[in-house]
């Protein structure tokens, strides 16, 4: 599997984009503590025209 950083994801009205293992996903770097599978963390997504949006995200295994 090849991981590569994408600087941004273009969102088009009417075309959903899903963050999930095996596709677009978040890789968190520089964490101050280990994450625990099953817990929920708060993540803030930044949008060019809508500003920041906070979402609650479940912590999952790193394998698809």
PDB file of N, CA and C in Angstrom:
ATOM      1  N   UNK A   1       0.845  -1.170   0.000  1.00  0.00           N
ATOM      2  CA  UNK A   1       0.000   0.000   0.000  1.00  0.00           C
ATOM      3  C   UNK A   1       0.895   1.239   0.000  1.00  0.00           C
ATOM      4  N   UNK A   2       0.535   2.210  -0.788  1.00  0.00           N
ATOM      5  CA  UNK A   2       1.315   3.434  -0.903  1.00  0.00           C
ATOM      6  C   UNK A   2       0.593   4.574  -0.207  1.00  0.00           C
ATOM      7  N   UNK A   3       1.288   5.228   0.717  1.00  0.00           N
ATOM      8  CA  UNK A   3       0.728   6.392   1.393  1.00  0.00           C
ATOM      9  C   UNK A   3       1.357   7.629   0.793  1.00  0.00           C
ATOM     10  N   UNK A   4       0.541   8.608   0.482  1.00  0.00           N
ATOM     11  CA  UNK A   4       1.085   9.875   0.025  1.00  0.00           C
ATOM     12  C   UNK A   4       0.200  10.986   0.552  1.00  0.00           C
ATOM     13  N   UNK A   5       0.819  12.063   0.878  1.00  0.00           N
ATOM     14  CA  UNK A   5       0.113  13.214   1.413  1.00  0.00           C
ATOM     15  C   UNK A   5      -0.568  13.981   0.282  1.00  0.00           C
ATOM     16  N   UNK A   6      -1.786  14.382   0.526  1.00  0.00           N
ATOM     17  CA  UNK A   6      -2.465  15.281  -0.400  1.00  0.00           C
ATOM     18  C   UNK A   6      -2.675  16.591   0.357  1.00  0.00           C
ATOM     19  N   UNK A   7      -2.272  17.681  -0.226  1.00  0.00           N
ATOM     20  CA  UNK A   7      -2.366  18.966   0.447  1.00  0.00           C
ATOM     21  C   UNK A   7      -3.788  19.398   0.723  1.00  0.00           C
ATOM     22  N   UNK A   8      -4.672  18.997  -0.172  1.00  0.00           N
ATOM     23  CA  UNK A   8      -6.077  19.351   0.001  1.00  0.00           C
ATOM     24  C   UNK A   8      -6.929  18.367  -0.780  1.00  0.00           C
ATOM     25  N   UNK A   9      -8.171  18.265  -0.371  1.00  0.00           N
ATOM     26  CA  UNK A   9      -9.153  17.441  -1.074  1.00  0.00           C
ATOM     27  C   UNK A   9     -10.200  18.400  -1.615  1.00  0.00           C
ATOM     28  N   UNK A  10     -10.429  18.378  -2.921  1.00  0.00           N
ATOM     29  CA  UNK A  10     -11.428  19.246  -3.531  1.00  0.00           C
ATOM     30  C   UNK A  10     -12.808  18.651  -3.325  1.00  0.00           C
ATOM     31  N   UNK A  11     -13.693  19.449  -2.750  1.00  0.00           N
ATOM     32  CA  UNK A  11     -15.071  19.027  -2.516  1.00  0.00           C
ATOM     33  C   UNK A  11     -15.964  19.669  -3.569  1.00  0.00           C
ATOM     34  N   UNK A  12     -16.805  18.837  -4.189  1.00  0.00           N
ATOM     35  CA  UNK A  12     -17.734  19.308  -5.207  1.00  0.00           C
ATOM     36  C   UNK A  12     -19.153  19.109  -4.689  1.00  0.00           C
ATOM     37  N   UNK A  13     -19.990  20.151  -4.734  1.00  0.00           N
ATOM     38  CA  UNK A  13     -21.378  19.992  -4.268  1.00  0.00           C
ATOM     39  C   UNK A  13     -22.057  18.794  -4.934  1.00  0.00           C
ATOM     40  N   UNK A  14     -22.715  17.974  -4.113  1.00  0.00           N
ATOM     41  CA  UNK A  14     -23.420  16.802  -4.612  1.00  0.00           C
ATOM     42  C   UNK A  14     -22.557  15.570  -4.788  1.00  0.00           C
ATOM     43  N   UNK A  15     -21.242  15.692  -4.558  1.00  0.00           N
ATOM     44  CA  UNK A  15     -20.330  14.546  -4.678  1.00  0.00           C
ATOM     45  C   UNK A  15     -19.645  14.318  -3.332  1.00  0.00           C
ATOM     46  N   UNK A  16     -20.178  13.390  -2.525  1.00  0.00           N
ATOM     47  CA  UNK A  16     -19.594  13.166  -1.206  1.00  0.00           C
ATOM     48  C   UNK A  16     -18.164  12.644  -1.278  1.00  0.00           C
ATOM     49  N   UNK A  17     -17.369  13.010  -0.294  1.00  0.00           N
ATOM     50  CA  UNK A  17     -16.019  12.475  -0.109  1.00  0.00           C
ATOM     51  C   UNK A  17     -16.005  11.825   1.264  1.00  0.00           C
ATOM     52  N   UNK A  18     -15.607  10.565   1.308  1.00  0.00           N
ATOM     53  CA  UNK A  18     -15.618   9.813   2.554  1.00  0.00           C
ATOM     54  C   UNK A  18     -14.189   9.563   3.012  1.00  0.00           C
ATOM     55  N   UNK A  19     -13.922   9.850   4.298  1.00  0.00           N
ATOM     56  CA  UNK A  19     -12.634   9.524   4.899  1.00  0.00           C
ATOM     57  C   UNK A  19     -12.770   8.143   5.523  1.00  0.00           C
ATOM     58  N   UNK A  20     -11.937   7.189   5.065  1.00  0.00           N
ATOM     59  CA  UNK A  20     -12.049   5.819   5.573  1.00  0.00           C
ATOM     60  C   UNK A  20     -10.747   5.070   5.305  1.00  0.00           C
ATOM     61  N   UNK A  21     -10.498   3.993   6.053  1.00  0.00           N
ATOM     62  CA  UNK A  21      -9.312   3.182   5.796  1.00  0.00           C
ATOM     63  C   UNK A  21      -9.318   2.666   4.361  1.00  0.00           C
ATOM     64  N   UNK A  22      -8.161   2.697   3.726  1.00  0.00           N
ATOM     65  CA  UNK A  22      -8.039   2.234   2.355  1.00  0.00           C
ATOM     66  C   UNK A  22      -8.318   3.324   1.333  1.00  0.00           C
ATOM     67  N   UNK A  23      -8.795   4.466   1.784  1.00  0.00           N
ATOM     68  CA  UNK A  23      -9.080   5.602   0.902  1.00  0.00           C
ATOM     69  C   UNK A  23      -8.496   6.845   1.541  1.00  0.00           C
ATOM     70  N   UNK A  24      -9.169   7.959   1.339  1.00  0.00           N
ATOM     71  CA  UNK A  24      -8.740   9.160   2.049  1.00  0.00           C
ATOM     72  C   UNK A  24      -8.910   8.927   3.546  1.00  0.00           C
ATOM     73  N   UNK A  25      -7.918   9.286   4.308  1.00  0.00           N
ATOM     74  CA  UNK A  25      -8.003   9.135   5.759  1.00  0.00           C
ATOM     75  C   UNK A  25      -7.094  10.167   6.415  1.00  0.00           C
ATOM     76  N   UNK A  26      -7.242  10.322   7.714  1.00  0.00           N
ATOM     77  CA  UNK A  26      -6.392  11.239   8.464  1.00  0.00           C
ATOM     78  C   UNK A  26      -5.258  10.463   9.095  1.00  0.00           C
ATOM     79  N   UNK A  27      -4.054  10.980   8.970  1.00  0.00           N
ATOM     80  CA  UNK A  27      -2.913  10.415   9.673  1.00  0.00           C
ATOM     81  C   UNK A  27      -2.445  11.495  10.637  1.00  0.00           C
ATOM     82  N   UNK A  28      -2.557  11.211  11.913  1.00  0.00           N
ATOM     83  CA  UNK A  28      -2.222  12.197  12.934  1.00  0.00           C
ATOM     84  C   UNK A  28      -0.762  12.039  13.332  1.00  0.00           C
ATOM     85  N   UNK A  29      -0.026  13.126  13.286  1.00  0.00           N
ATOM     86  CA  UNK A  29       1.405  13.111  13.582  1.00  0.00           C
ATOM     87  C   UNK A  29       1.667  13.928  14.845  1.00  0.00           C
ATOM     88  N   UNK A  30       2.695  13.562  15.601  1.00  0.00           N
ATOM     89  CA  UNK A  30       3.109  14.339  16.773  1.00  0.00           C
ATOM     90  C   UNK A  30       2.137  14.272  17.930  1.00  0.00           C
ATOM     91  N   UNK A  31       1.463  13.153  18.094  1.00  0.00           N
ATOM     92  CA  UNK A  31       0.514  13.013  19.198  1.00  0.00           C
ATOM     93  C   UNK A  31       1.242  13.021  20.541  1.00  0.00           C
ATOM     94  N   UNK A  32       0.590  13.538  21.565  1.00  0.00           N
ATOM     95  CA  UNK A  32       1.209  13.600  22.894  1.00  0.00           C
ATOM     96  C   UNK A  32       0.899  12.369  23.734  1.00  0.00           C
ATOM     97  N   UNK A  33      -0.021  11.528  23.260  1.00  0.00           N
ATOM     98  CA  UNK A  33      -0.324  10.258  23.928  1.00  0.00           C
ATOM     99  C   UNK A  33      -0.862   9.281  22.892  1.00  0.00           C
ATOM    100  N   UNK A  34      -0.738   7.995  23.159  1.00  0.00           N
ATOM    101  CA  UNK A  34      -1.278   7.012  22.212  1.00  0.00           C
ATOM    102  C   UNK A  34      -2.803   7.085  22.147  1.00  0.00           C
ATOM    103  N   UNK A  35      -3.333   6.855  20.965  1.00  0.00           N
ATOM    104  CA  UNK A  35      -4.782   6.760  20.819  1.00  0.00           C
ATOM    105  C   UNK A  35      -5.214   5.335  21.140  1.00  0.00           C
ATOM    106  N   UNK A  36      -6.428   5.184  21.636  1.00  0.00           N
ATOM    107  CA  UNK A  36      -6.947   3.875  22.007  1.00  0.00           C
ATOM    108  C   UNK A  36      -8.099   3.530  21.078  1.00  0.00           C
ATOM    109  N   UNK A  37      -7.986   2.367  20.422  1.00  0.00           N
ATOM    110  CA  UNK A  37      -9.048   1.917  19.520  1.00  0.00           C
ATOM    111  C   UNK A  37     -10.383   1.936  20.260  1.00  0.00           C
ATOM    112  N   UNK A  38     -11.393   2.486  19.605  1.00  0.00           N
ATOM    113  CA  UNK A  38     -12.723   2.536  20.199  1.00  0.00           C
ATOM    114  C   UNK A  38     -13.051   3.880  20.844  1.00  0.00           C
ATOM    115  N   UNK A  39     -12.028   4.663  21.207  1.00  0.00           N
ATOM    116  CA  UNK A  39     -12.318   5.974  21.773  1.00  0.00           C
ATOM    117  C   UNK A  39     -12.693   6.943  20.655  1.00  0.00           C
ATOM    118  N   UNK A  40     -13.222   8.084  21.028  1.00  0.00           N
ATOM    119  CA  UNK A  40     -13.587   9.123  20.075  1.00  0.00           C
ATOM    120  C   UNK A  40     -12.759  10.360  20.369  1.00  0.00           C
ATOM    121  N   UNK A  41     -12.232  10.977  19.312  1.00  0.00           N
ATOM    122  CA  UNK A  41     -11.437  12.192  19.483  1.00  0.00           C
ATOM    123  C   UNK A  41     -12.080  13.328  18.694  1.00  0.00           C
ATOM    124  N   UNK A  42     -11.789  14.543  19.088  1.00  0.00           N
ATOM    125  CA  UNK A  42     -12.283  15.711  18.378  1.00  0.00           C
ATOM    126  C   UNK A  42     -11.213  16.162  17.389  1.00  0.00           C
ATOM    127  N   UNK A  43     -11.613  16.384  16.146  1.00  0.00           N
ATOM    128  CA  UNK A  43     -10.708  16.824  15.079  1.00  0.00           C
ATOM    129  C   UNK A  43     -11.330  18.044  14.419  1.00  0.00           C
ATOM    130  N   UNK A  44     -10.520  19.046  14.139  1.00  0.00           N
ATOM    131  CA  UNK A  44     -11.015  20.229  13.447  1.00  0.00           C
ATOM    132  C   UNK A  44     -10.524  20.208  12.009  1.00  0.00           C
ATOM    133  N   UNK A  45     -11.476  20.213  11.078  1.00  0.00           N
ATOM    134  CA  UNK A  45     -11.176  20.251   9.647  1.00  0.00           C
ATOM    135  C   UNK A  45     -11.254  21.703   9.188  1.00  0.00           C
ATOM    136  N   UNK A  46     -10.335  22.106   8.326  1.00  0.00           N
ATOM    137  CA  UNK A  46     -10.319  23.485   7.831  1.00  0.00           C
ATOM    138  C   UNK A  46     -10.792  23.520   6.387  1.00  0.00           C
ATOM    139  N   UNK A  47     -11.766  24.381   6.122  1.00  0.00           N
ATOM    140  CA  UNK A  47     -12.330  24.529   4.791  1.00  0.00           C
ATOM    141  C   UNK A  47     -12.047  25.927   4.272  1.00  0.00           C
ATOM    142  N   UNK A  48     -11.669  26.007   3.019  1.00  0.00           N
ATOM    143  CA  UNK A  48     -11.307  27.281   2.419  1.00  0.00           C
ATOM    144  C   UNK A  48     -12.444  28.300   2.477  1.00  0.00           C
ATOM    145  N   UNK A  49     -13.666  27.884   2.169  1.00  0.00           N
ATOM    146  CA  UNK A  49     -14.787  28.825   2.125  1.00  0.00           C
ATOM    147  C   UNK A  49     -15.742  28.713   3.304  1.00  0.00           C
ATOM    148  N   UNK A  50     -15.599  27.704   4.136  1.00  0.00           N
ATOM    149  CA  UNK A  50     -16.531  27.517   5.250  1.00  0.00           C
ATOM    150  C   UNK A  50     -15.841  27.668   6.601  1.00  0.00           C
ATOM    151  N   UNK A  51     -14.521  27.783   6.622  1.00  0.00           N
ATOM    152  CA  UNK A  51     -13.808  27.909   7.895  1.00  0.00           C
ATOM    153  C   UNK A  51     -13.671  26.571   8.592  1.00  0.00           C
ATOM    154  N   UNK A  52     -13.301  26.584   9.879  1.00  0.00           N
ATOM    155  CA  UNK A  52     -13.084  25.346  10.612  1.00  0.00           C
ATOM    156  C   UNK A  52     -14.389  24.684  11.058  1.00  0.00           C
ATOM    157  N   UNK A  53     -14.395  23.347  11.010  1.00  0.00           N
ATOM    158  CA  UNK A  53     -15.528  22.552  11.462  1.00  0.00           C
ATOM    159  C   UNK A  53     -14.975  21.443  12.350  1.00  0.00           C
ATOM    160  N   UNK A  54     -15.465  21.360  13.596  1.00  0.00           N
ATOM    161  CA  UNK A  54     -15.028  20.303  14.512  1.00  0.00           C
ATOM    162  C   UNK A  54     -15.940  19.098  14.361  1.00  0.00           C
ATOM    163  N   UNK A  55     -15.328  17.912  14.304  1.00  0.00           N
ATOM    164  CA  UNK A  55     -16.079  16.657  14.202  1.00  0.00           C
ATOM    165  C   UNK A  55     -15.539  15.670  15.219  1.00  0.00           C
ATOM    166  N   UNK A  56     -16.397  14.775  15.662  1.00  0.00           N
ATOM    167  CA  UNK A  56     -15.996  13.692  16.544  1.00  0.00           C
ATOM    168  C   UNK A  56     -15.669  12.478  15.673  1.00  0.00           C
ATOM    169  N   UNK A  57     -14.492  11.892  15.897  1.00  0.00           N
ATOM    170  CA  UNK A  57     -14.001  10.819  15.037  1.00  0.00           C
ATOM    171  C   UNK A  57     -13.674   9.587  15.877  1.00  0.00           C
ATOM    172  N   UNK A  58     -14.194   8.414  15.501  1.00  0.00           N
ATOM    173  CA  UNK A  58     -13.839   7.195  16.218  1.00  0.00           C
ATOM    174  C   UNK A  58     -12.421   6.760  15.852  1.00  0.00           C
ATOM    175  N   UNK A  59     -11.669   6.270  16.812  1.00  0.00           N
ATOM    176  CA  UNK A  59     -10.324   5.751  16.569  1.00  0.00           C
ATOM    177  C   UNK A  59     -10.460   4.288  16.154  1.00  0.00           C
ATOM    178  N   UNK A  60      -9.887   3.961  14.971  1.00  0.00           N
ATOM    179  CA  UNK A  60      -9.976   2.614  14.423  1.00  0.00           C
ATOM    180  C   UNK A  60      -8.590   2.045  14.241  1.00  0.00           C
ATOM    181  N   UNK A  61      -8.516   0.749  13.933  1.00  0.00           N
ATOM    182  CA  UNK A  61      -7.245   0.119  13.602  1.00  0.00           C
ATOM    183  C   UNK A  61      -6.653   0.820  12.381  1.00  0.00           C
ATOM    184  N   UNK A  62      -5.338   0.716  12.212  1.00  0.00           N
ATOM    185  CA  UNK A  62      -4.709   1.355  11.053  1.00  0.00           C
ATOM    186  C   UNK A  62      -4.711   0.474   9.820  1.00  0.00           C
ATOM    187  N   UNK A  63      -5.327  -0.689   9.872  1.00  0.00           N
ATOM    188  CA  UNK A  63      -5.397  -1.582   8.713  1.00  0.00           C
ATOM    189  C   UNK A  63      -6.798  -1.564   8.135  1.00  0.00           C
ATOM    190  N   UNK A  64      -6.910  -1.585   6.793  1.00  0.00           N
ATOM    191  CA  UNK A  64      -8.262  -1.599   6.185  1.00  0.00           C
ATOM    192  C   UNK A  64      -8.985  -2.898   6.440  1.00  0.00           C
TER     193      UNK A  64
END
